[in-house]
Amino acid sequence: MELLRKKSKYITTSYEINPSKEHFDYQSEQVDKILALEDDSEIAQKEKEALVREIVKNLPSPCNELLWGYYGDGHSMKMLAEMFNYASENAVKVTKYRCCEKFRLRYSEMSKSLF
């Protein structure tokens, strides 16, 4: 998440648009940059999804089951507590939090090498 915040989605240009003009003259290289952003974001999104799936799959048990059950399958905390024989929903929340921390650490390490 921090990596995504660092990267800017905006393109800075030296060209200023004057709203009073009826016809705008756009620089072709700026248009190409904007169009390239859309293509890159779709490819990058697929790569990120594959990375997330790989990381969750490789997390140790019970992290992989909890994270996939909560985020992938949409199960509630109560349902996860019953499925994995936890004492309470709060125990599931604490474990899920710790698993999310493991996930964030691995994601940041792996995404730095990819992006």
N, C-alpha and C. Protein backbone atom coordinates (compact mmCIF):
# COMPACT_ATOMS: atom_id res chain seq x y z
N MET A 1 0.82 -1.19 0.00
CA MET A 1 0.00 0.00 0.00
C MET A 1 0.87 1.26 0.00
N GLU A 2 1.96 1.21 0.77
CA GLU A 2 2.85 2.36 0.83
C GLU A 2 3.50 2.59 -0.52
N LEU A 3 3.83 1.51 -1.21
CA LEU A 3 4.44 1.64 -2.52
C LEU A 3 3.49 2.31 -3.50
N LEU A 4 2.22 1.95 -3.43
CA LEU A 4 1.25 2.56 -4.31
C LEU A 4 1.04 4.04 -4.00
N ARG A 5 1.12 4.40 -2.72
CA ARG A 5 0.98 5.81 -2.35
C ARG A 5 2.15 6.63 -2.88
N LYS A 6 3.32 6.01 -2.89
CA LYS A 6 4.51 6.74 -3.34
C LYS A 6 4.45 7.05 -4.83
N LYS A 7 3.91 6.13 -5.59
CA LYS A 7 3.86 6.34 -7.03
C LYS A 7 2.72 7.28 -7.38
N SER A 8 3.01 8.22 -8.20
CA SER A 8 2.02 9.21 -8.57
C SER A 8 1.23 8.73 -9.77
N LYS A 9 -0.03 9.02 -9.80
CA LYS A 9 -0.89 8.69 -10.92
C LYS A 9 -1.06 9.88 -11.86
N TYR A 10 -0.43 10.98 -11.54
CA TYR A 10 -0.61 12.20 -12.31
C TYR A 10 0.60 12.46 -13.19
N ILE A 11 0.34 13.05 -14.32
CA ILE A 11 1.41 13.43 -15.24
C ILE A 11 1.54 14.94 -15.18
N THR A 12 2.74 15.40 -14.96
CA THR A 12 2.97 16.84 -14.96
C THR A 12 3.37 17.28 -16.36
N THR A 13 2.82 18.37 -16.77
CA THR A 13 3.13 18.88 -18.10
C THR A 13 3.52 20.34 -17.99
N SER A 14 4.26 20.78 -18.97
CA SER A 14 4.60 22.20 -19.03
C SER A 14 3.55 22.95 -19.84
N TYR A 15 2.62 22.23 -20.40
CA TYR A 15 1.59 22.81 -21.25
C TYR A 15 0.39 23.19 -20.40
N GLU A 16 -0.06 24.41 -20.52
CA GLU A 16 -1.20 24.88 -19.75
C GLU A 16 -2.41 24.98 -20.65
N ILE A 17 -3.53 24.47 -20.18
CA ILE A 17 -4.76 24.54 -20.98
C ILE A 17 -5.49 25.83 -20.64
N ASN A 18 -5.86 26.55 -21.67
CA ASN A 18 -6.60 27.79 -21.49
C ASN A 18 -8.07 27.50 -21.80
N PRO A 19 -8.96 27.56 -20.80
CA PRO A 19 -10.35 27.22 -21.02
C PRO A 19 -11.09 28.17 -21.96
N SER A 20 -10.53 29.32 -22.23
CA SER A 20 -11.22 30.26 -23.10
C SER A 20 -11.06 29.90 -24.57
N LYS A 21 -10.10 29.05 -24.90
CA LYS A 21 -9.91 28.64 -26.28
C LYS A 21 -10.98 27.64 -26.68
N GLU A 22 -11.43 27.74 -27.92
CA GLU A 22 -12.41 26.78 -28.41
C GLU A 22 -11.76 25.46 -28.79
N HIS A 23 -10.55 25.54 -29.29
CA HIS A 23 -9.84 24.34 -29.72
C HIS A 23 -8.53 24.23 -28.94
N PHE A 24 -8.32 23.09 -28.31
CA PHE A 24 -7.10 22.89 -27.54
C PHE A 24 -6.07 22.19 -28.42
N ASP A 25 -4.86 22.65 -28.34
CA ASP A 25 -3.75 21.99 -29.02
C ASP A 25 -3.02 21.13 -28.00
N TYR A 26 -3.17 19.83 -28.12
CA TYR A 26 -2.52 18.92 -27.20
C TYR A 26 -1.21 18.43 -27.80
N GLN A 27 -0.24 18.28 -26.96
CA GLN A 27 1.03 17.74 -27.41
C GLN A 27 0.88 16.23 -27.54
N SER A 28 1.31 15.69 -28.67
CA SER A 28 1.10 14.27 -28.93
C SER A 28 1.81 13.39 -27.91
N GLU A 29 2.96 13.80 -27.42
CA GLU A 29 3.67 12.97 -26.44
C GLU A 29 2.91 12.91 -25.11
N GLN A 30 2.23 13.98 -24.75
CA GLN A 30 1.43 13.97 -23.52
C GLN A 30 0.22 13.04 -23.67
N VAL A 31 -0.40 13.05 -24.82
CA VAL A 31 -1.53 12.16 -25.09
C VAL A 31 -1.05 10.71 -25.02
N ASP A 32 0.11 10.43 -25.60
CA ASP A 32 0.66 9.08 -25.57
C ASP A 32 0.93 8.62 -24.14
N LYS A 33 1.43 9.53 -23.30
CA LYS A 33 1.67 9.18 -21.89
C LYS A 33 0.38 8.83 -21.18
N ILE A 34 -0.67 9.59 -21.44
CA ILE A 34 -1.96 9.34 -20.80
C ILE A 34 -2.52 7.99 -21.25
N LEU A 35 -2.44 7.73 -22.54
CA LEU A 35 -2.93 6.45 -23.06
C LEU A 35 -2.10 5.29 -22.52
N ALA A 36 -0.82 5.47 -22.36
CA ALA A 36 0.04 4.41 -21.84
C ALA A 36 -0.27 4.10 -20.38
N LEU A 37 -0.71 5.09 -19.63
CA LEU A 37 -1.06 4.87 -18.23
C LEU A 37 -2.19 3.86 -18.11
N GLU A 38 -3.17 3.96 -18.95
CA GLU A 38 -4.32 3.07 -18.87
C GLU A 38 -3.91 1.64 -19.16
N ASP A 39 -3.10 1.43 -20.19
CA ASP A 39 -2.64 0.08 -20.51
C ASP A 39 -1.78 -0.49 -19.41
N ASP A 40 -0.85 0.31 -18.89
CA ASP A 40 0.04 -0.16 -17.84
C ASP A 40 -0.74 -0.51 -16.57
N SER A 41 -1.76 0.26 -16.27
CA SER A 41 -2.48 0.00 -15.03
C SER A 41 -3.23 -1.32 -15.11
N GLU A 42 -3.73 -1.68 -16.28
CA GLU A 42 -4.42 -2.96 -16.42
C GLU A 42 -3.44 -4.12 -16.28
N ILE A 43 -2.30 -3.99 -16.91
CA ILE A 43 -1.28 -5.04 -16.80
C ILE A 43 -0.76 -5.11 -15.38
N ALA A 44 -0.49 -3.96 -14.79
CA ALA A 44 0.01 -3.92 -13.42
C ALA A 44 -1.01 -4.50 -12.45
N GLN A 45 -2.28 -4.23 -12.70
CA GLN A 45 -3.33 -4.76 -11.82
C GLN A 45 -3.35 -6.28 -11.86
N LYS A 46 -3.20 -6.86 -13.04
CA LYS A 46 -3.18 -8.32 -13.15
C LYS A 46 -1.95 -8.91 -12.46
N GLU A 47 -0.82 -8.24 -12.60
CA GLU A 47 0.39 -8.70 -11.93
C GLU A 47 0.24 -8.63 -10.42
N LYS A 48 -0.37 -7.57 -9.93
CA LYS A 48 -0.59 -7.42 -8.49
C LYS A 48 -1.53 -8.49 -7.97
N GLU A 49 -2.59 -8.78 -8.72
CA GLU A 49 -3.53 -9.83 -8.30
C GLU A 49 -2.83 -11.18 -8.23
N ALA A 50 -2.01 -11.49 -9.21
CA ALA A 50 -1.27 -12.75 -9.21
C ALA A 50 -0.31 -12.80 -8.02
N LEU A 51 0.33 -11.69 -7.73
CA LEU A 51 1.25 -11.61 -6.61
C LEU A 51 0.52 -11.83 -5.29
N VAL A 52 -0.64 -11.20 -5.13
CA VAL A 52 -1.43 -11.35 -3.91
C VAL A 52 -1.85 -12.81 -3.73
N ARG A 53 -2.34 -13.42 -4.80
CA ARG A 53 -2.76 -14.83 -4.72
C ARG A 53 -1.58 -15.73 -4.33
N GLU A 54 -0.43 -15.48 -4.90
CA GLU A 54 0.76 -16.29 -4.61
C GLU A 54 1.17 -16.13 -3.15
N ILE A 55 1.17 -14.90 -2.66
CA ILE A 55 1.58 -14.66 -1.28
C ILE A 55 0.62 -15.32 -0.30
N VAL A 56 -0.68 -15.15 -0.53
CA VAL A 56 -1.67 -15.75 0.38
C VAL A 56 -1.55 -17.26 0.35
N LYS A 57 -1.34 -17.82 -0.83
CA LYS A 57 -1.22 -19.27 -0.97
C LYS A 57 0.00 -19.80 -0.20
N ASN A 58 1.09 -19.02 -0.19
CA ASN A 58 2.32 -19.46 0.46
C ASN A 58 2.43 -19.09 1.93
N LEU A 59 1.45 -18.39 2.48
CA LEU A 59 1.48 -18.08 3.91
C LEU A 59 1.26 -19.36 4.71
N PRO A 60 1.84 -19.44 5.89
CA PRO A 60 1.63 -20.64 6.71
C PRO A 60 0.20 -20.72 7.22
N SER A 61 -0.20 -21.92 7.56
CA SER A 61 -1.52 -22.12 8.14
C SER A 61 -1.52 -21.51 9.54
N PRO A 62 -2.52 -20.91 10.02
CA PRO A 62 -3.87 -20.69 9.53
C PRO A 62 -4.04 -19.41 8.71
N CYS A 63 -2.93 -18.70 8.46
CA CYS A 63 -3.03 -17.41 7.78
C CYS A 63 -3.65 -17.53 6.39
N ASN A 64 -3.19 -18.50 5.63
CA ASN A 64 -3.72 -18.61 4.27
C ASN A 64 -5.22 -18.91 4.27
N GLU A 65 -5.66 -19.78 5.17
CA GLU A 65 -7.09 -20.10 5.24
C GLU A 65 -7.93 -18.91 5.74
N LEU A 66 -7.42 -18.23 6.77
CA LEU A 66 -8.16 -17.09 7.32
C LEU A 66 -8.29 -15.94 6.32
N LEU A 67 -7.17 -15.57 5.73
CA LEU A 67 -7.21 -14.45 4.79
C LEU A 67 -8.05 -14.79 3.57
N TRP A 68 -7.89 -16.01 3.06
CA TRP A 68 -8.69 -16.38 1.89
C TRP A 68 -10.17 -16.49 2.26
N GLY A 69 -10.46 -17.02 3.43
CA GLY A 69 -11.85 -17.14 3.88
C GLY A 69 -12.50 -15.78 4.07
N TYR A 70 -11.76 -14.84 4.64
CA TYR A 70 -12.32 -13.53 4.92
C TYR A 70 -12.40 -12.66 3.67
N TYR A 71 -11.28 -12.52 2.97
CA TYR A 71 -11.24 -11.62 1.81
C TYR A 71 -11.68 -12.29 0.52
N GLY A 72 -11.35 -13.55 0.35
CA GLY A 72 -11.69 -14.24 -0.89
C GLY A 72 -13.11 -14.75 -0.92
N ASP A 73 -13.50 -15.45 0.14
CA ASP A 73 -14.83 -16.05 0.18
C ASP A 73 -15.87 -15.17 0.86
N GLY A 74 -15.42 -14.16 1.60
CA GLY A 74 -16.35 -13.23 2.22
C GLY A 74 -17.03 -13.75 3.48
N HIS A 75 -16.40 -14.71 4.16
CA HIS A 75 -16.98 -15.24 5.40
C HIS A 75 -16.84 -14.21 6.52
N SER A 76 -17.78 -14.26 7.45
CA SER A 76 -17.73 -13.37 8.60
C SER A 76 -16.76 -13.92 9.64
N MET A 77 -16.43 -13.08 10.62
CA MET A 77 -15.54 -13.51 11.69
C MET A 77 -16.16 -14.66 12.49
N LYS A 78 -17.46 -14.56 12.68
CA LYS A 78 -18.16 -15.61 13.42
C LYS A 78 -18.08 -16.95 12.68
N MET A 79 -18.27 -16.89 11.38
CA MET A 79 -18.22 -18.10 10.56
C MET A 79 -16.81 -18.69 10.58
N LEU A 80 -15.80 -17.83 10.46
CA LEU A 80 -14.41 -18.30 10.50
C LEU A 80 -14.07 -18.92 11.85
N ALA A 81 -14.57 -18.34 12.94
CA ALA A 81 -14.33 -18.90 14.27
C ALA A 81 -14.92 -20.30 14.38
N GLU A 82 -16.10 -20.49 13.82
CA GLU A 82 -16.72 -21.82 13.84
C GLU A 82 -15.98 -22.80 12.93
N MET A 83 -15.57 -22.34 11.76
CA MET A 83 -14.90 -23.22 10.79
C MET A 83 -13.55 -23.71 11.29
N PHE A 84 -12.79 -22.83 11.96
CA PHE A 84 -11.44 -23.18 12.37
C PHE A 84 -11.32 -23.41 13.88
N ASN A 85 -12.44 -23.57 14.56
CA ASN A 85 -12.50 -23.92 15.98
C ASN A 85 -11.75 -22.93 16.88
N TYR A 86 -11.99 -21.65 16.65
CA TYR A 86 -11.45 -20.61 17.53
C TYR A 86 -12.42 -20.40 18.69
N ALA A 87 -11.90 -19.91 19.81
CA ALA A 87 -12.72 -19.70 21.00
C ALA A 87 -13.74 -18.58 20.79
N SER A 88 -13.35 -17.55 20.04
CA SER A 88 -14.26 -16.42 19.84
C SER A 88 -13.92 -15.69 18.55
N GLU A 89 -14.78 -14.75 18.21
CA GLU A 89 -14.53 -13.91 17.05
C GLU A 89 -13.30 -13.03 17.26
N ASN A 90 -13.11 -12.60 18.50
CA ASN A 90 -11.95 -11.75 18.81
C ASN A 90 -10.64 -12.49 18.56
N ALA A 91 -10.60 -13.76 18.85
CA ALA A 91 -9.39 -14.55 18.58
C ALA A 91 -9.11 -14.58 17.08
N VAL A 92 -10.15 -14.68 16.27
CA VAL A 92 -10.00 -14.67 14.82
C VAL A 92 -9.49 -13.30 14.36
N LYS A 93 -10.03 -12.23 14.94
CA LYS A 93 -9.60 -10.88 14.57
C LYS A 93 -8.12 -10.66 14.85
N VAL A 94 -7.66 -11.12 16.00
CA VAL A 94 -6.26 -10.95 16.37
C VAL A 94 -5.37 -11.75 15.41
N THR A 95 -5.77 -13.00 15.14
CA THR A 95 -4.99 -13.83 14.23
C THR A 95 -5.00 -13.25 12.83
N LYS A 96 -6.14 -12.75 12.38
CA LYS A 96 -6.23 -12.15 11.05
C LYS A 96 -5.34 -10.91 10.96
N TYR A 97 -5.30 -10.13 12.01
CA TYR A 97 -4.45 -8.94 12.04
C TYR A 97 -2.98 -9.33 11.89
N ARG A 98 -2.56 -10.33 12.65
CA ARG A 98 -1.17 -10.79 12.58
C ARG A 98 -0.85 -11.34 11.19
N CYS A 99 -1.82 -12.04 10.61
CA CYS A 99 -1.63 -12.58 9.27
C CYS A 99 -1.54 -11.45 8.24
N CYS A 100 -2.33 -10.42 8.42
CA CYS A 100 -2.27 -9.27 7.51
C CYS A 100 -0.91 -8.59 7.59
N GLU A 101 -0.34 -8.54 8.79
CA GLU A 101 0.99 -7.95 8.94
C GLU A 101 2.04 -8.79 8.19
N LYS A 102 1.92 -10.11 8.29
CA LYS A 102 2.84 -10.99 7.54
C LYS A 102 2.66 -10.77 6.05
N PHE A 103 1.40 -10.65 5.62
CA PHE A 103 1.11 -10.44 4.21
C PHE A 103 1.71 -9.11 3.74
N ARG A 104 1.51 -8.05 4.50
CA ARG A 104 2.03 -6.73 4.11
C ARG A 104 3.54 -6.74 3.96
N LEU A 105 4.20 -7.42 4.89
CA LEU A 105 5.66 -7.49 4.85
C LEU A 105 6.12 -8.22 3.58
N ARG A 106 5.52 -9.36 3.29
CA ARG A 106 5.90 -10.12 2.09
C ARG A 106 5.53 -9.37 0.82
N TYR A 107 4.39 -8.71 0.83
CA TYR A 107 3.97 -7.96 -0.36
C TYR A 107 4.93 -6.82 -0.65
N SER A 108 5.33 -6.10 0.38
CA SER A 108 6.24 -4.98 0.16
C SER A 108 7.60 -5.47 -0.34
N GLU A 109 8.07 -6.60 0.20
CA GLU A 109 9.35 -7.15 -0.26
C GLU A 109 9.27 -7.59 -1.72
N MET A 110 8.21 -8.30 -2.07
CA MET A 110 8.09 -8.84 -3.42
C MET A 110 7.75 -7.76 -4.44
N SER A 111 6.93 -6.79 -4.05
CA SER A 111 6.53 -5.76 -5.01
C SER A 111 7.69 -4.81 -5.34
N LYS A 112 8.60 -4.64 -4.41
CA LYS A 112 9.77 -3.80 -4.71
C LYS A 112 10.60 -4.41 -5.83
N SER A 113 10.69 -5.73 -5.83
CA SER A 113 11.48 -6.38 -6.87
C SER A 113 10.76 -6.40 -8.21
N LEU A 114 9.43 -6.39 -8.20
CA LEU A 114 8.67 -6.43 -9.45
C LEU A 114 8.44 -5.06 -10.06
N PHE A 115 8.10 -4.09 -9.22
CA PHE A 115 7.69 -2.79 -9.73
C PHE A 115 8.82 -1.84 -9.47
